[in-house]
Amino acid sequence: MDQKTITIVSGLPRSGTSMMMRMLEAGGMEVLTDQIRVADEDNPQGYYEFEPVKQIETDTTWLPAAQGKAVKMVAALLKHLPAGYSYKVILMQRRMQEVLASQKQMLRRRGEPTDRISDEQMAELFARHLERVKAWLAQQPNIELLHVHYDQVLADPYRQAAEINRFLGGWLDVERMAAVVDPALYRQRA
């Protein structure tokens, strides 16, 4: 394993980033989290977040501690990754209808409004955003990118874990990665 490379797990909200972090941790990769956001009904296995990530635009002092580890970052923040590091980005992708349904369910549980913007408008905003992120990532010489589809991980966890393992250098425990995938948590399906 390259101890200098930072592994970033990213994607749209509700796209399986927490599941991927759990897989990497089970496979033997150290993950950078702070346990501030605790597990709940929407993410019963935990969120795997690290609060300083949200301040990357103005504070990158945490990046040295992320080298050789995995950290979760929303797709909108990827553009703030400084060029002085090498990154392997696992970009989680999920059917847009499932992302929206999962987001709505989470907002309902929290008692927050779900009708501020139509599903069609949100889907269009998310799709455009994701295309901009992918275009930016493709232009970065210090970033390697792997697209991982949420439904494919749930359908064949071992095969997907093996692919992720190859991308990350071939040292992870693929069986343990696959074993933590819980199909029962695939609750919003398109």
N, C-alpha and C. Protein backbone atom coordinates (compact mmCIF):
# COMPACT_ATOMS: atom_id res chain seq x y z
N MET A 1 0.83 -1.19 0.00
CA MET A 1 0.00 0.00 0.00
C MET A 1 0.87 1.25 0.00
N ASP A 2 0.48 2.23 -0.79
CA ASP A 2 1.19 3.50 -0.84
C ASP A 2 0.76 4.34 0.36
N GLN A 3 1.67 4.57 1.28
CA GLN A 3 1.35 5.31 2.51
C GLN A 3 1.15 6.80 2.27
N LYS A 4 1.46 7.28 1.08
CA LYS A 4 1.30 8.71 0.79
C LYS A 4 -0.05 9.02 0.14
N THR A 5 -0.62 8.05 -0.57
CA THR A 5 -1.87 8.28 -1.29
C THR A 5 -3.04 8.38 -0.32
N ILE A 6 -3.95 9.30 -0.60
CA ILE A 6 -5.17 9.46 0.17
C ILE A 6 -6.31 8.84 -0.63
N THR A 7 -7.03 7.92 -0.01
CA THR A 7 -8.20 7.32 -0.66
C THR A 7 -9.41 8.14 -0.26
N ILE A 8 -10.14 8.62 -1.26
CA ILE A 8 -11.34 9.42 -1.04
C ILE A 8 -12.54 8.62 -1.50
N VAL A 9 -13.53 8.47 -0.64
CA VAL A 9 -14.81 7.86 -1.01
C VAL A 9 -15.80 9.01 -1.17
N SER A 10 -16.38 9.12 -2.37
CA SER A 10 -17.22 10.27 -2.66
C SER A 10 -18.45 9.86 -3.46
N GLY A 11 -19.32 10.81 -3.64
CA GLY A 11 -20.54 10.60 -4.42
C GLY A 11 -21.61 11.59 -3.98
N LEU A 12 -22.78 11.44 -4.56
CA LEU A 12 -23.92 12.24 -4.14
C LEU A 12 -24.38 11.76 -2.77
N PRO A 13 -25.15 12.58 -2.06
CA PRO A 13 -25.73 12.09 -0.81
C PRO A 13 -26.56 10.83 -1.05
N ARG A 14 -26.51 9.90 -0.12
CA ARG A 14 -27.30 8.67 -0.15
C ARG A 14 -26.91 7.74 -1.30
N SER A 15 -25.63 7.78 -1.70
CA SER A 15 -25.17 6.95 -2.82
C SER A 15 -24.37 5.73 -2.40
N GLY A 16 -24.23 5.51 -1.09
CA GLY A 16 -23.50 4.33 -0.62
C GLY A 16 -22.10 4.60 -0.13
N THR A 17 -21.78 5.86 0.15
CA THR A 17 -20.42 6.18 0.59
C THR A 17 -20.11 5.58 1.96
N SER A 18 -21.08 5.57 2.86
CA SER A 18 -20.83 4.99 4.19
C SER A 18 -20.62 3.49 4.08
N MET A 19 -21.39 2.83 3.21
CA MET A 19 -21.20 1.39 2.98
C MET A 19 -19.79 1.12 2.46
N MET A 20 -19.32 1.96 1.54
CA MET A 20 -17.98 1.77 0.99
C MET A 20 -16.91 1.98 2.05
N MET A 21 -17.08 2.96 2.89
CA MET A 21 -16.12 3.18 3.98
C MET A 21 -16.07 1.95 4.89
N ARG A 22 -17.22 1.40 5.19
CA ARG A 22 -17.30 0.20 6.04
C ARG A 22 -16.58 -0.97 5.37
N MET A 23 -16.76 -1.10 4.05
CA MET A 23 -16.07 -2.16 3.31
C MET A 23 -14.56 -2.00 3.39
N LEU A 24 -14.08 -0.78 3.17
CA LEU A 24 -12.64 -0.53 3.22
C LEU A 24 -12.08 -0.83 4.60
N GLU A 25 -12.79 -0.40 5.63
CA GLU A 25 -12.36 -0.65 7.00
C GLU A 25 -12.31 -2.16 7.27
N ALA A 26 -13.33 -2.89 6.85
CA ALA A 26 -13.36 -4.34 7.05
C ALA A 26 -12.22 -5.02 6.30
N GLY A 27 -11.86 -4.46 5.16
CA GLY A 27 -10.79 -5.03 4.35
C GLY A 27 -9.40 -4.77 4.90
N GLY A 28 -9.29 -3.90 5.90
CA GLY A 28 -8.00 -3.66 6.51
C GLY A 28 -7.44 -2.27 6.31
N MET A 29 -8.17 -1.39 5.63
CA MET A 29 -7.69 -0.03 5.44
C MET A 29 -8.10 0.81 6.64
N GLU A 30 -7.18 1.63 7.10
CA GLU A 30 -7.52 2.56 8.17
C GLU A 30 -8.39 3.66 7.60
N VAL A 31 -9.45 4.01 8.32
CA VAL A 31 -10.36 5.06 7.85
C VAL A 31 -10.27 6.25 8.80
N LEU A 32 -10.38 7.43 8.24
CA LEU A 32 -10.31 8.66 9.01
C LEU A 32 -11.74 9.11 9.31
N THR A 33 -12.16 8.93 10.56
CA THR A 33 -13.50 9.34 10.99
C THR A 33 -13.36 9.96 12.38
N ASP A 34 -14.41 10.65 12.80
CA ASP A 34 -14.39 11.23 14.14
C ASP A 34 -15.56 10.76 15.01
N GLN A 35 -16.46 9.97 14.45
CA GLN A 35 -17.60 9.40 15.20
C GLN A 35 -18.51 10.47 15.78
N ILE A 36 -18.44 11.70 15.29
CA ILE A 36 -19.33 12.75 15.80
C ILE A 36 -20.77 12.47 15.35
N ARG A 37 -20.95 12.16 14.08
CA ARG A 37 -22.29 11.83 13.58
C ARG A 37 -22.50 10.33 13.81
N VAL A 38 -23.38 10.02 14.72
CA VAL A 38 -23.58 8.64 15.14
C VAL A 38 -24.57 7.91 14.24
N ALA A 39 -24.50 6.59 14.27
CA ALA A 39 -25.41 5.76 13.50
C ALA A 39 -26.86 6.08 13.88
N ASP A 40 -27.75 5.94 12.90
CA ASP A 40 -29.17 6.15 13.14
C ASP A 40 -29.95 5.25 12.18
N GLU A 41 -31.24 5.46 12.10
CA GLU A 41 -32.08 4.60 11.26
C GLU A 41 -31.71 4.70 9.77
N ASP A 42 -31.23 5.87 9.35
CA ASP A 42 -30.86 6.06 7.95
C ASP A 42 -29.51 5.43 7.61
N ASN A 43 -28.61 5.39 8.56
CA ASN A 43 -27.30 4.75 8.39
C ASN A 43 -27.00 3.93 9.64
N PRO A 44 -27.63 2.75 9.75
CA PRO A 44 -27.48 1.97 10.98
C PRO A 44 -26.06 1.47 11.24
N GLN A 45 -25.20 1.47 10.23
CA GLN A 45 -23.82 1.04 10.42
C GLN A 45 -22.87 2.22 10.65
N GLY A 46 -23.42 3.44 10.66
CA GLY A 46 -22.61 4.63 10.89
C GLY A 46 -22.37 5.43 9.62
N TYR A 47 -21.99 6.68 9.81
CA TYR A 47 -21.80 7.61 8.69
C TYR A 47 -20.35 7.71 8.22
N TYR A 48 -19.40 7.38 9.06
CA TYR A 48 -17.98 7.41 8.69
C TYR A 48 -17.52 8.79 8.23
N GLU A 49 -18.01 9.83 8.89
CA GLU A 49 -17.64 11.18 8.50
C GLU A 49 -16.48 11.71 9.35
N PHE A 50 -15.81 12.72 8.81
CA PHE A 50 -14.72 13.39 9.48
C PHE A 50 -14.96 14.89 9.28
N GLU A 51 -15.40 15.57 10.33
CA GLU A 51 -15.84 16.96 10.25
C GLU A 51 -14.86 17.91 9.55
N PRO A 52 -13.53 17.82 9.79
CA PRO A 52 -12.62 18.76 9.12
C PRO A 52 -12.70 18.73 7.60
N VAL A 53 -13.16 17.63 7.01
CA VAL A 53 -13.29 17.54 5.55
C VAL A 53 -14.16 18.67 5.02
N LYS A 54 -15.19 19.01 5.78
CA LYS A 54 -16.15 20.03 5.32
C LYS A 54 -15.51 21.42 5.20
N GLN A 55 -14.34 21.61 5.80
CA GLN A 55 -13.66 22.90 5.76
C GLN A 55 -12.47 22.90 4.79
N ILE A 56 -12.42 21.94 3.88
CA ILE A 56 -11.23 21.79 3.03
C ILE A 56 -10.92 23.03 2.20
N GLU A 57 -11.93 23.82 1.89
CA GLU A 57 -11.68 25.02 1.09
C GLU A 57 -10.77 26.00 1.83
N THR A 58 -10.84 26.02 3.16
CA THR A 58 -10.06 26.98 3.93
C THR A 58 -9.04 26.32 4.87
N ASP A 59 -9.17 25.00 5.09
CA ASP A 59 -8.27 24.33 6.04
C ASP A 59 -7.91 22.94 5.52
N THR A 60 -6.65 22.77 5.15
CA THR A 60 -6.18 21.48 4.66
C THR A 60 -5.17 20.84 5.62
N THR A 61 -5.12 21.34 6.84
CA THR A 61 -4.13 20.84 7.79
C THR A 61 -4.34 19.38 8.17
N TRP A 62 -5.52 18.84 7.91
CA TRP A 62 -5.81 17.44 8.24
C TRP A 62 -5.33 16.47 7.17
N LEU A 63 -4.98 16.95 6.00
CA LEU A 63 -4.61 16.06 4.89
C LEU A 63 -3.40 15.17 5.18
N PRO A 64 -2.34 15.64 5.83
CA PRO A 64 -1.24 14.72 6.12
C PRO A 64 -1.69 13.50 6.94
N ALA A 65 -2.63 13.70 7.84
CA ALA A 65 -3.13 12.58 8.66
C ALA A 65 -3.97 11.61 7.84
N ALA A 66 -4.43 12.03 6.66
CA ALA A 66 -5.25 11.18 5.80
C ALA A 66 -4.41 10.30 4.88
N GLN A 67 -3.12 10.57 4.77
CA GLN A 67 -2.28 9.79 3.87
C GLN A 67 -2.26 8.32 4.31
N GLY A 68 -2.46 7.44 3.35
CA GLY A 68 -2.50 6.01 3.63
C GLY A 68 -3.82 5.53 4.19
N LYS A 69 -4.80 6.43 4.27
CA LYS A 69 -6.11 6.10 4.85
C LYS A 69 -7.21 6.44 3.85
N ALA A 70 -8.43 6.07 4.24
CA ALA A 70 -9.62 6.43 3.47
C ALA A 70 -10.40 7.48 4.24
N VAL A 71 -10.95 8.43 3.51
CA VAL A 71 -11.77 9.48 4.10
C VAL A 71 -12.96 9.74 3.16
N LYS A 72 -14.08 10.04 3.76
CA LYS A 72 -15.31 10.29 3.00
C LYS A 72 -15.45 11.78 2.74
N MET A 73 -15.86 12.13 1.50
CA MET A 73 -15.99 13.53 1.11
C MET A 73 -17.13 13.67 0.10
N VAL A 74 -18.05 14.60 0.34
CA VAL A 74 -19.11 14.81 -0.64
C VAL A 74 -18.50 15.30 -1.94
N ALA A 75 -19.14 14.95 -3.04
CA ALA A 75 -18.60 15.24 -4.37
C ALA A 75 -18.34 16.73 -4.58
N ALA A 76 -19.16 17.58 -4.00
CA ALA A 76 -19.00 19.03 -4.20
C ALA A 76 -17.67 19.56 -3.68
N LEU A 77 -17.06 18.86 -2.73
CA LEU A 77 -15.80 19.34 -2.14
C LEU A 77 -14.55 18.84 -2.86
N LEU A 78 -14.70 17.88 -3.75
CA LEU A 78 -13.53 17.30 -4.42
C LEU A 78 -12.68 18.36 -5.12
N LYS A 79 -13.32 19.38 -5.68
CA LYS A 79 -12.59 20.41 -6.43
C LYS A 79 -11.60 21.18 -5.56
N HIS A 80 -11.72 21.03 -4.24
CA HIS A 80 -10.83 21.73 -3.32
C HIS A 80 -9.63 20.89 -2.89
N LEU A 81 -9.51 19.68 -3.43
CA LEU A 81 -8.36 18.84 -3.08
C LEU A 81 -7.08 19.50 -3.61
N PRO A 82 -6.13 19.77 -2.73
CA PRO A 82 -4.90 20.43 -3.19
C PRO A 82 -4.04 19.51 -4.07
N ALA A 83 -3.36 20.09 -5.01
CA ALA A 83 -2.58 19.35 -5.99
C ALA A 83 -1.35 18.67 -5.41
N GLY A 84 -0.93 19.01 -4.24
CA GLY A 84 0.30 18.47 -3.68
C GLY A 84 0.21 17.04 -3.16
N TYR A 85 -0.92 16.39 -3.31
CA TYR A 85 -1.12 15.02 -2.83
C TYR A 85 -1.57 14.13 -3.98
N SER A 86 -1.40 12.82 -3.78
CA SER A 86 -1.94 11.82 -4.72
C SER A 86 -3.20 11.24 -4.11
N TYR A 87 -4.23 11.07 -4.94
CA TYR A 87 -5.50 10.58 -4.46
C TYR A 87 -5.99 9.41 -5.32
N LYS A 88 -6.68 8.50 -4.67
CA LYS A 88 -7.46 7.48 -5.36
C LYS A 88 -8.89 7.72 -4.94
N VAL A 89 -9.73 8.09 -5.88
CA VAL A 89 -11.12 8.43 -5.59
C VAL A 89 -12.03 7.30 -6.02
N ILE A 90 -12.81 6.81 -5.07
CA ILE A 90 -13.87 5.85 -5.35
C ILE A 90 -15.15 6.66 -5.41
N LEU A 91 -15.70 6.81 -6.61
CA LEU A 91 -16.90 7.61 -6.81
C LEU A 91 -18.11 6.69 -6.84
N MET A 92 -18.90 6.76 -5.79
CA MET A 92 -20.10 5.93 -5.68
C MET A 92 -21.20 6.51 -6.56
N GLN A 93 -21.87 5.62 -7.26
CA GLN A 93 -22.96 6.04 -8.13
C GLN A 93 -24.18 5.18 -7.82
N ARG A 94 -25.33 5.81 -7.87
CA ARG A 94 -26.59 5.14 -7.57
C ARG A 94 -27.67 5.72 -8.47
N ARG A 95 -28.64 4.91 -8.82
CA ARG A 95 -29.74 5.39 -9.66
C ARG A 95 -30.35 6.63 -9.02
N MET A 96 -30.56 7.65 -9.83
CA MET A 96 -31.03 8.94 -9.31
C MET A 96 -32.35 8.81 -8.55
N GLN A 97 -33.28 7.96 -9.05
CA GLN A 97 -34.56 7.81 -8.35
C GLN A 97 -34.33 7.26 -6.94
N GLU A 98 -33.35 6.38 -6.78
CA GLU A 98 -33.05 5.82 -5.47
C GLU A 98 -32.41 6.85 -4.55
N VAL A 99 -31.51 7.65 -5.09
CA VAL A 99 -30.88 8.72 -4.32
C VAL A 99 -31.96 9.66 -3.78
N LEU A 100 -32.87 10.07 -4.66
CA LEU A 100 -33.92 11.02 -4.27
C LEU A 100 -34.87 10.40 -3.24
N ALA A 101 -35.26 9.14 -3.46
CA ALA A 101 -36.16 8.46 -2.51
C ALA A 101 -35.51 8.31 -1.15
N SER A 102 -34.23 7.96 -1.13
CA SER A 102 -33.51 7.79 0.12
C SER A 102 -33.35 9.13 0.85
N GLN A 103 -33.05 10.17 0.08
CA GLN A 103 -32.91 11.52 0.66
C GLN A 103 -34.24 11.97 1.27
N LYS A 104 -35.34 11.75 0.54
CA LYS A 104 -36.66 12.14 1.04
C LYS A 104 -37.00 11.41 2.33
N GLN A 105 -36.73 10.13 2.36
CA GLN A 105 -37.02 9.33 3.55
C GLN A 105 -36.23 9.86 4.74
N MET A 106 -34.98 10.18 4.53
CA MET A 106 -34.15 10.70 5.60
C MET A 106 -34.69 12.05 6.10
N LEU A 107 -35.08 12.93 5.17
CA LEU A 107 -35.63 14.22 5.55
C LEU A 107 -36.94 14.05 6.34
N ARG A 108 -37.79 13.13 5.89
CA ARG A 108 -39.04 12.86 6.62
C ARG A 108 -38.76 12.44 8.05
N ARG A 109 -37.81 11.52 8.23
CA ARG A 109 -37.48 11.04 9.57
C ARG A 109 -37.00 12.17 10.47
N ARG A 110 -36.37 13.15 9.87
CA ARG A 110 -35.85 14.28 10.64
C ARG A 110 -36.89 15.39 10.80
N GLY A 111 -38.05 15.23 10.18
CA GLY A 111 -39.08 16.25 10.27
C GLY A 111 -38.80 17.47 9.42
N GLU A 112 -37.97 17.31 8.40
CA GLU A 112 -37.62 18.42 7.51
C GLU A 112 -38.49 18.37 6.26
N PRO A 113 -38.72 19.52 5.63
CA PRO A 113 -39.57 19.54 4.43
C PRO A 113 -38.94 18.78 3.27
N THR A 114 -39.80 18.13 2.48
CA THR A 114 -39.32 17.36 1.33
C THR A 114 -39.81 17.95 0.01
N ASP A 115 -40.51 19.09 0.07
CA ASP A 115 -41.13 19.63 -1.14
C ASP A 115 -40.57 20.99 -1.55
N ARG A 116 -39.38 21.31 -1.07
CA ARG A 116 -38.79 22.61 -1.44
C ARG A 116 -38.44 22.69 -2.92
N ILE A 117 -38.12 21.54 -3.49
CA ILE A 117 -37.75 21.47 -4.91
C ILE A 117 -38.29 20.14 -5.43
N SER A 118 -38.76 20.15 -6.67
CA SER A 118 -39.34 18.92 -7.23
C SER A 118 -38.26 17.87 -7.48
N ASP A 119 -38.68 16.62 -7.52
CA ASP A 119 -37.74 15.54 -7.81
C ASP A 119 -37.07 15.75 -9.16
N GLU A 120 -37.84 16.24 -10.13
CA GLU A 120 -37.29 16.46 -11.46
C GLU A 120 -36.18 17.51 -11.44
N GLN A 121 -36.45 18.60 -10.71
CA GLN A 121 -35.44 19.66 -10.61
C GLN A 121 -34.20 19.17 -9.86
N MET A 122 -34.43 18.44 -8.76
CA MET A 122 -33.30 17.94 -7.97
C MET A 122 -32.48 16.94 -8.79
N ALA A 123 -33.18 16.08 -9.52
CA ALA A 123 -32.48 15.10 -10.36
C ALA A 123 -31.61 15.80 -11.40
N GLU A 124 -32.14 16.87 -11.99
CA GLU A 124 -31.39 17.62 -12.99
C GLU A 124 -30.18 18.31 -12.36
N LEU A 125 -30.37 18.91 -11.19
CA LEU A 125 -29.26 19.57 -10.49
C LEU A 125 -28.17 18.57 -10.12
N PHE A 126 -28.58 17.45 -9.54
CA PHE A 126 -27.62 16.42 -9.16
C PHE A 126 -26.87 15.88 -10.37
N ALA A 127 -27.59 15.61 -11.46
CA ALA A 127 -26.97 15.05 -12.67
C ALA A 127 -25.94 16.03 -13.25
N ARG A 128 -26.30 17.30 -13.34
CA ARG A 128 -25.36 18.30 -13.86
C ARG A 128 -24.13 18.43 -12.96
N HIS A 129 -24.39 18.43 -11.65
CA HIS A 129 -23.30 18.52 -10.68
C HIS A 129 -22.34 17.35 -10.84
N LEU A 130 -22.89 16.15 -10.93
CA LEU A 130 -22.06 14.95 -11.05
C LEU A 130 -21.25 14.97 -12.34
N GLU A 131 -21.82 15.44 -13.42
CA GLU A 131 -21.08 15.54 -14.69
C GLU A 131 -19.91 16.53 -14.58
N ARG A 132 -20.14 17.65 -13.89
CA ARG A 132 -19.06 18.63 -13.69
C ARG A 132 -17.94 18.01 -12.84
N VAL A 133 -18.34 17.29 -11.79
CA VAL A 133 -17.35 16.64 -10.93
C VAL A 133 -16.52 15.63 -11.73
N LYS A 134 -17.19 14.80 -12.51
CA LYS A 134 -16.48 13.79 -13.31
C LYS A 134 -15.53 14.45 -14.31
N ALA A 135 -15.97 15.53 -14.94
CA ALA A 135 -15.12 16.23 -15.91
C ALA A 135 -13.88 16.79 -15.20
N TRP A 136 -14.08 17.37 -14.03
CA TRP A 136 -12.95 17.92 -13.27
C TRP A 136 -11.99 16.82 -12.87
N LEU A 137 -12.52 15.73 -12.34
CA LEU A 137 -11.67 14.61 -11.91
C LEU A 137 -10.82 14.07 -13.06
N ALA A 138 -11.42 13.99 -14.24
CA ALA A 138 -10.72 13.44 -15.41
C ALA A 138 -9.52 14.30 -15.82
N GLN A 139 -9.51 15.57 -15.41
CA GLN A 139 -8.43 16.47 -15.79
C GLN A 139 -7.31 16.55 -14.75
N GLN A 140 -7.45 15.84 -13.64
CA GLN A 140 -6.47 15.95 -12.56
C GLN A 140 -5.41 14.85 -12.66
N PRO A 141 -4.16 15.22 -12.90
CA PRO A 141 -3.11 14.21 -13.06
C PRO A 141 -2.75 13.47 -11.76
N ASN A 142 -3.13 14.03 -10.63
CA ASN A 142 -2.79 13.42 -9.34
C ASN A 142 -3.95 12.59 -8.75
N ILE A 143 -4.98 12.37 -9.57
CA ILE A 143 -6.16 11.63 -9.09
C ILE A 143 -6.43 10.44 -10.00
N GLU A 144 -6.51 9.26 -9.38
CA GLU A 144 -7.00 8.07 -10.07
C GLU A 144 -8.44 7.86 -9.65
N LEU A 145 -9.28 7.44 -10.58
CA LEU A 145 -10.72 7.37 -10.33
C LEU A 145 -11.27 5.98 -10.62
N LEU A 146 -12.12 5.51 -9.72
CA LEU A 146 -12.86 4.27 -9.91
C LEU A 146 -14.33 4.56 -9.68
N HIS A 147 -15.16 4.24 -10.68
CA HIS A 147 -16.62 4.38 -10.54
C HIS A 147 -17.15 3.07 -9.96
N VAL A 148 -17.93 3.16 -8.89
CA VAL A 148 -18.53 1.98 -8.27
C VAL A 148 -20.03 2.21 -8.18
N HIS A 149 -20.80 1.26 -8.68
CA HIS A 149 -22.25 1.37 -8.69
C HIS A 149 -22.84 0.64 -7.49
N TYR A 150 -23.62 1.36 -6.73
CA TYR A 150 -24.23 0.88 -5.49
C TYR A 150 -24.97 -0.44 -5.70
N ASP A 151 -25.82 -0.49 -6.71
CA ASP A 151 -26.61 -1.71 -6.93
C ASP A 151 -25.73 -2.90 -7.31
N GLN A 152 -24.63 -2.66 -7.99
CA GLN A 152 -23.72 -3.76 -8.34
C GLN A 152 -22.99 -4.30 -7.12
N VAL A 153 -22.67 -3.41 -6.18
CA VAL A 153 -22.04 -3.87 -4.93
C VAL A 153 -23.00 -4.78 -4.18
N LEU A 154 -24.27 -4.38 -4.12
CA LEU A 154 -25.26 -5.18 -3.40
C LEU A 154 -25.57 -6.49 -4.13
N ALA A 155 -25.54 -6.47 -5.45
CA ALA A 155 -25.83 -7.67 -6.23
C ALA A 155 -24.68 -8.68 -6.19
N ASP A 156 -23.45 -8.20 -6.19
CA ASP A 156 -22.29 -9.10 -6.22
C ASP A 156 -21.14 -8.47 -5.42
N PRO A 157 -21.26 -8.49 -4.08
CA PRO A 157 -20.27 -7.81 -3.26
C PRO A 157 -18.85 -8.32 -3.45
N TYR A 158 -18.68 -9.62 -3.63
CA TYR A 158 -17.33 -10.16 -3.75
C TYR A 158 -16.65 -9.63 -5.02
N ARG A 159 -17.36 -9.67 -6.12
CA ARG A 159 -16.78 -9.20 -7.39
C ARG A 159 -16.41 -7.72 -7.31
N GLN A 160 -17.30 -6.92 -6.73
CA GLN A 160 -17.03 -5.49 -6.62
C GLN A 160 -15.88 -5.23 -5.65
N ALA A 161 -15.85 -5.97 -4.54
CA ALA A 161 -14.75 -5.82 -3.57
C ALA A 161 -13.42 -6.16 -4.23
N ALA A 162 -13.41 -7.18 -5.06
CA ALA A 162 -12.18 -7.57 -5.76
C ALA A 162 -11.71 -6.46 -6.70
N GLU A 163 -12.65 -5.82 -7.37
CA GLU A 163 -12.33 -4.71 -8.27
C GLU A 163 -11.75 -3.52 -7.48
N ILE A 164 -12.38 -3.21 -6.37
CA ILE A 164 -11.91 -2.11 -5.51
C ILE A 164 -10.51 -2.45 -4.98
N ASN A 165 -10.31 -3.68 -4.58
CA ASN A 165 -9.02 -4.13 -4.08
C ASN A 165 -7.93 -3.95 -5.14
N ARG A 166 -8.22 -4.34 -6.37
CA ARG A 166 -7.25 -4.15 -7.46
C ARG A 166 -6.90 -2.67 -7.61
N PHE A 167 -7.92 -1.83 -7.60
CA PHE A 167 -7.73 -0.38 -7.75
C PHE A 167 -6.83 0.18 -6.65
N LEU A 168 -6.97 -0.36 -5.44
CA LEU A 168 -6.23 0.16 -4.30
C LEU A 168 -4.90 -0.54 -4.04
N GLY A 169 -4.51 -1.44 -4.93
CA GLY A 169 -3.18 -2.03 -4.82
C GLY A 169 -3.13 -3.51 -4.47
N GLY A 170 -4.27 -4.14 -4.22
CA GLY A 170 -4.32 -5.59 -4.06
C GLY A 170 -3.97 -6.13 -2.70
N TRP A 171 -4.05 -5.35 -1.64
CA TRP A 171 -3.65 -5.84 -0.32
C TRP A 171 -4.81 -5.99 0.66
N LEU A 172 -6.02 -5.60 0.25
CA LEU A 172 -7.17 -5.68 1.15
C LEU A 172 -7.74 -7.09 1.24
N ASP A 173 -8.45 -7.39 2.31
CA ASP A 173 -9.12 -8.67 2.50
C ASP A 173 -10.49 -8.60 1.83
N VAL A 174 -10.57 -9.13 0.62
CA VAL A 174 -11.77 -9.04 -0.21
C VAL A 174 -12.96 -9.76 0.45
N GLU A 175 -12.72 -10.90 1.05
CA GLU A 175 -13.81 -11.64 1.68
C GLU A 175 -14.43 -10.85 2.83
N ARG A 176 -13.61 -10.22 3.62
CA ARG A 176 -14.14 -9.41 4.73
C ARG A 176 -14.87 -8.18 4.19
N MET A 177 -14.36 -7.60 3.12
CA MET A 177 -15.04 -6.45 2.51
C MET A 177 -16.43 -6.84 2.05
N ALA A 178 -16.51 -7.97 1.35
CA ALA A 178 -17.80 -8.42 0.81
C ALA A 178 -18.76 -8.81 1.93
N ALA A 179 -18.23 -9.35 3.01
CA ALA A 179 -19.07 -9.85 4.10
C ALA A 179 -19.84 -8.75 4.83
N VAL A 180 -19.37 -7.51 4.79
CA VAL A 180 -20.07 -6.45 5.52
C VAL A 180 -21.18 -5.79 4.70
N VAL A 181 -21.29 -6.14 3.43
CA VAL A 181 -22.37 -5.59 2.59
C VAL A 181 -23.69 -6.22 3.05
N ASP A 182 -24.64 -5.38 3.41
CA ASP A 182 -25.93 -5.84 3.93
C ASP A 182 -27.05 -5.50 2.96
N PRO A 183 -27.50 -6.48 2.15
CA PRO A 183 -28.57 -6.22 1.19
C PRO A 183 -29.87 -5.73 1.84
N ALA A 184 -30.06 -6.01 3.11
CA ALA A 184 -31.27 -5.56 3.81
C ALA A 184 -31.32 -4.03 3.91
N LEU A 185 -30.17 -3.38 3.76
CA LEU A 185 -30.15 -1.93 3.82
C LEU A 185 -30.45 -1.27 2.47
N TYR A 186 -30.68 -2.08 1.44
CA TYR A 186 -31.06 -1.56 0.12
C TYR A 186 -32.57 -1.36 0.14
N ARG A 187 -33.00 -0.23 0.70
CA ARG A 187 -34.41 -0.03 0.99
C ARG A 187 -35.14 0.80 -0.04
N GLN A 188 -34.46 1.68 -0.76
CA GLN A 188 -35.10 2.46 -1.81
C GLN A 188 -34.56 1.95 -3.14
N ARG A 189 -35.40 1.24 -3.87
CA ARG A 189 -35.00 0.65 -5.14
C ARG A 189 -35.77 1.28 -6.29
N ALA A 190 -35.08 1.47 -7.41
CA ALA A 190 -35.74 2.02 -8.61
C ALA A 190 -36.33 0.88 -9.41
